[in-house]
């Protein structure tokens, strides 16, 4: 069952093991997070999304990483970047941007309304 999200104040927070995910905002955090390591190894695009809730917990926009690619939030879009051998990354061409971004929460609400 969903819990109250400290970010959106809606019942859109899912907890699975130590992962907390706000379906409304796309933010997530782990209960047992090594926050210093996460921030030091993450690109600025991810660190810039940091949100600190009223209890002092740090949240970041949900991302996806592989060994060579990452899906990162940028404004209201998701972009795909490719990791370089020096540890930095480069943006892939603009067709990899997703201007029609919709949060998972909104997507599931839309599906419910279609039934």
C-alpha atoms as a PDB file:
ATOM      1  CA  UNK A   1       0.000   0.000   0.000  1.00  0.00           C
ATOM      2  CA  UNK A   2       1.162   3.514  -0.741  1.00  0.00           C
ATOM      3  CA  UNK A   3       2.314   5.835   2.016  1.00  0.00           C
ATOM      4  CA  UNK A   4       2.237   9.616   2.240  1.00  0.00           C
ATOM      5  CA  UNK A   5       5.070  11.132   0.205  1.00  0.00           C
ATOM      6  CA  UNK A   6       7.109  13.864   1.945  1.00  0.00           C
ATOM      7  CA  UNK A   7       7.660  15.399  -1.476  1.00  0.00           C
ATOM      8  CA  UNK A   8       4.187  15.539  -3.021  1.00  0.00           C
ATOM      9  CA  UNK A   9       2.061  15.103   0.130  1.00  0.00           C
ATOM     10  CA  UNK A  10       0.052  12.494  -1.788  1.00  0.00           C
ATOM     11  CA  UNK A  11      -0.264   8.780  -1.129  1.00  0.00           C
ATOM     12  CA  UNK A  12       2.237   7.976  -3.855  1.00  0.00           C
ATOM     13  CA  UNK A  13       5.196   6.598  -1.896  1.00  0.00           C
ATOM     14  CA  UNK A  14       6.095   2.965  -2.443  1.00  0.00           C
ATOM     15  CA  UNK A  15       8.531   1.159  -0.169  1.00  0.00           C
ATOM     16  CA  UNK A  16      10.234  -2.009  -1.339  1.00  0.00           C
ATOM     17  CA  UNK A  17      12.905  -3.310   1.010  1.00  0.00           C
ATOM     18  CA  UNK A  18      15.095  -0.251   1.685  1.00  0.00           C
ATOM     19  CA  UNK A  19      14.023   1.679  -1.465  1.00  0.00           C
ATOM     20  CA  UNK A  20      11.502   4.501  -1.160  1.00  0.00           C
ATOM     21  CA  UNK A  21      10.051   5.726  -4.455  1.00  0.00           C
ATOM     22  CA  UNK A  22       7.643   8.607  -4.919  1.00  0.00           C
ATOM     23  CA  UNK A  23       5.580   7.781  -8.008  1.00  0.00           C
ATOM     24  CA  UNK A  24       4.219  11.306  -8.155  1.00  0.00           C
ATOM     25  CA  UNK A  25       7.535  13.147  -8.343  1.00  0.00           C
ATOM     26  CA  UNK A  26      10.007  10.526  -9.563  1.00  0.00           C
ATOM     27  CA  UNK A  27      12.214  11.013  -6.492  1.00  0.00           C
ATOM     28  CA  UNK A  28      13.738   8.110  -4.606  1.00  0.00           C
ATOM     29  CA  UNK A  29      16.012   7.345  -1.685  1.00  0.00           C
ATOM     30  CA  UNK A  30      17.377   4.331   0.141  1.00  0.00           C
ATOM     31  CA  UNK A  31      17.094   3.815   3.889  1.00  0.00           C
ATOM     32  CA  UNK A  32      20.670   2.479   4.074  1.00  0.00           C
ATOM     33  CA  UNK A  33      22.216   4.900   1.587  1.00  0.00           C
ATOM     34  CA  UNK A  34      25.915   5.788   1.607  1.00  0.00           C
ATOM     35  CA  UNK A  35      24.963   9.301   0.592  1.00  0.00           C
ATOM     36  CA  UNK A  36      28.496  10.699   0.462  1.00  0.00           C
ATOM     37  CA  UNK A  37      29.639   8.003  -1.972  1.00  0.00           C
ATOM     38  CA  UNK A  38      26.498   8.370  -4.092  1.00  0.00           C
ATOM     39  CA  UNK A  39      26.935  12.144  -4.412  1.00  0.00           C
ATOM     40  CA  UNK A  40      30.669  11.974  -5.105  1.00  0.00           C
ATOM     41  CA  UNK A  41      30.254   9.397  -7.901  1.00  0.00           C
ATOM     42  CA  UNK A  42      27.135  10.871  -9.515  1.00  0.00           C
ATOM     43  CA  UNK A  43      27.083  13.402 -12.377  1.00  0.00           C
ATOM     44  CA  UNK A  44      26.124  16.958 -11.473  1.00  0.00           C
ATOM     45  CA  UNK A  45      22.804  16.481 -13.292  1.00  0.00           C
ATOM     46  CA  UNK A  46      21.783  13.995 -10.625  1.00  0.00           C
ATOM     47  CA  UNK A  47      23.234  15.818  -7.632  1.00  0.00           C
ATOM     48  CA  UNK A  48      21.385  18.988  -8.719  1.00  0.00           C
ATOM     49  CA  UNK A  49      18.055  17.179  -8.272  1.00  0.00           C
ATOM     50  CA  UNK A  50      18.662  16.711  -4.538  1.00  0.00           C
ATOM     51  CA  UNK A  51      15.613  17.375  -2.394  1.00  0.00           C
ATOM     52  CA  UNK A  52      15.841  17.411   1.404  1.00  0.00           C
ATOM     53  CA  UNK A  53      12.567  16.606   3.146  1.00  0.00           C
ATOM     54  CA  UNK A  54      11.337  17.982   6.496  1.00  0.00           C
ATOM     55  CA  UNK A  55      13.145  15.151   8.332  1.00  0.00           C
ATOM     56  CA  UNK A  56      16.496  15.939   6.674  1.00  0.00           C
ATOM     57  CA  UNK A  57      16.432  12.940   4.314  1.00  0.00           C
ATOM     58  CA  UNK A  58      17.999  13.396   0.879  1.00  0.00           C
ATOM     59  CA  UNK A  59      16.039  12.372  -2.217  1.00  0.00           C
ATOM     60  CA  UNK A  60      17.130  12.359  -5.861  1.00  0.00           C
ATOM     61  CA  UNK A  61      15.295  11.989  -9.160  1.00  0.00           C
ATOM     62  CA  UNK A  62      15.145   8.348 -10.156  1.00  0.00           C
ATOM     63  CA  UNK A  63      17.817   7.370 -12.633  1.00  0.00           C
ATOM     64  CA  UNK A  64      18.945   4.288 -14.453  1.00  0.00           C
ATOM     65  CA  UNK A  65      22.545   3.251 -15.034  1.00  0.00           C
ATOM     66  CA  UNK A  66      24.299   0.545 -16.996  1.00  0.00           C
ATOM     67  CA  UNK A  67      28.042   0.134 -17.499  1.00  0.00           C
ATOM     68  CA  UNK A  68      27.963   2.365 -20.574  1.00  0.00           C
ATOM     69  CA  UNK A  69      24.757   4.446 -20.472  1.00  0.00           C
ATOM     70  CA  UNK A  70      22.693   6.419 -18.005  1.00  0.00           C
ATOM     71  CA  UNK A  71      19.194   7.855 -18.090  1.00  0.00           C
ATOM     72  CA  UNK A  72      19.271  11.227 -16.321  1.00  0.00           C
ATOM     73  CA  UNK A  73      16.650  13.853 -15.520  1.00  0.00           C
ATOM     74  CA  UNK A  74      17.119  17.252 -17.125  1.00  0.00           C
ATOM     75  CA  UNK A  75      14.434  19.809 -16.370  1.00  0.00           C
ATOM     76  CA  UNK A  76      11.160  18.110 -17.374  1.00  0.00           C
ATOM     77  CA  UNK A  77      12.886  15.656 -19.698  1.00  0.00           C
ATOM     78  CA  UNK A  78      14.893  12.474 -19.471  1.00  0.00           C
ATOM     79  CA  UNK A  79      18.146  12.333 -21.417  1.00  0.00           C
ATOM     80  CA  UNK A  80      20.482   9.477 -22.284  1.00  0.00           C
ATOM     81  CA  UNK A  81      24.204   9.927 -21.752  1.00  0.00           C
ATOM     82  CA  UNK A  82      27.141   7.688 -22.611  1.00  0.00           C
ATOM     83  CA  UNK A  83      29.985   7.156 -20.147  1.00  0.00           C
ATOM     84  CA  UNK A  84      33.461   8.023 -21.424  1.00  0.00           C
ATOM     85  CA  UNK A  85      36.635   6.109 -20.540  1.00  0.00           C
ATOM     86  CA  UNK A  86      37.757   9.074 -18.362  1.00  0.00           C
ATOM     87  CA  UNK A  87      34.655   8.694 -16.160  1.00  0.00           C
ATOM     88  CA  UNK A  88      32.836  11.667 -17.650  1.00  0.00           C
ATOM     89  CA  UNK A  89      29.876  11.382 -19.975  1.00  0.00           C
ATOM     90  CA  UNK A  90      28.606  12.892 -23.200  1.00  0.00           C
ATOM     91  CA  UNK A  91      25.062  13.596 -24.247  1.00  0.00           C
ATOM     92  CA  UNK A  92      23.696  11.456 -27.019  1.00  0.00           C
ATOM     93  CA  UNK A  93      21.904  13.191 -29.913  1.00  0.00           C
ATOM     94  CA  UNK A  94      18.768  15.186 -29.162  1.00  0.00           C
ATOM     95  CA  UNK A  95      16.457  12.482 -30.478  1.00  0.00           C
ATOM     96  CA  UNK A  96      17.176  10.638 -27.223  1.00  0.00           C
ATOM     97  CA  UNK A  97      15.337  13.344 -25.271  1.00  0.00           C
ATOM     98  CA  UNK A  98      11.830  12.547 -24.101  1.00  0.00           C
ATOM     99  CA  UNK A  99       9.751  15.750 -24.154  1.00  0.00           C
ATOM    100  CA  UNK A 100       6.521  13.870 -23.424  1.00  0.00           C
ATOM    101  CA  UNK A 101       7.737  12.809 -19.973  1.00  0.00           C
ATOM    102  CA  UNK A 102       5.002  11.756 -17.588  1.00  0.00           C
ATOM    103  CA  UNK A 103       5.567  10.633 -14.017  1.00  0.00           C
ATOM    104  CA  UNK A 104       4.819   7.003 -13.179  1.00  0.00           C
ATOM    105  CA  UNK A 105       2.098   8.173 -10.797  1.00  0.00           C
ATOM    106  CA  UNK A 106       0.352  10.189 -13.534  1.00  0.00           C
ATOM    107  CA  UNK A 107       0.699   7.292 -15.961  1.00  0.00           C
ATOM    108  CA  UNK A 108      -1.010   4.853 -13.586  1.00  0.00           C
ATOM    109  CA  UNK A 109      -3.706   7.412 -12.767  1.00  0.00           C
ATOM    110  CA  UNK A 110      -4.336   7.787 -16.503  1.00  0.00           C
ATOM    111  CA  UNK A 111      -4.631   4.011 -16.879  1.00  0.00           C
ATOM    112  CA  UNK A 112      -7.113   3.842 -13.993  1.00  0.00           C
ATOM    113  CA  UNK A 113      -9.247   6.567 -15.558  1.00  0.00           C
ATOM    114  CA  UNK A 114      -9.348   4.707 -18.889  1.00  0.00           C
ATOM    115  CA  UNK A 115     -11.005   1.654 -17.268  1.00  0.00           C
END
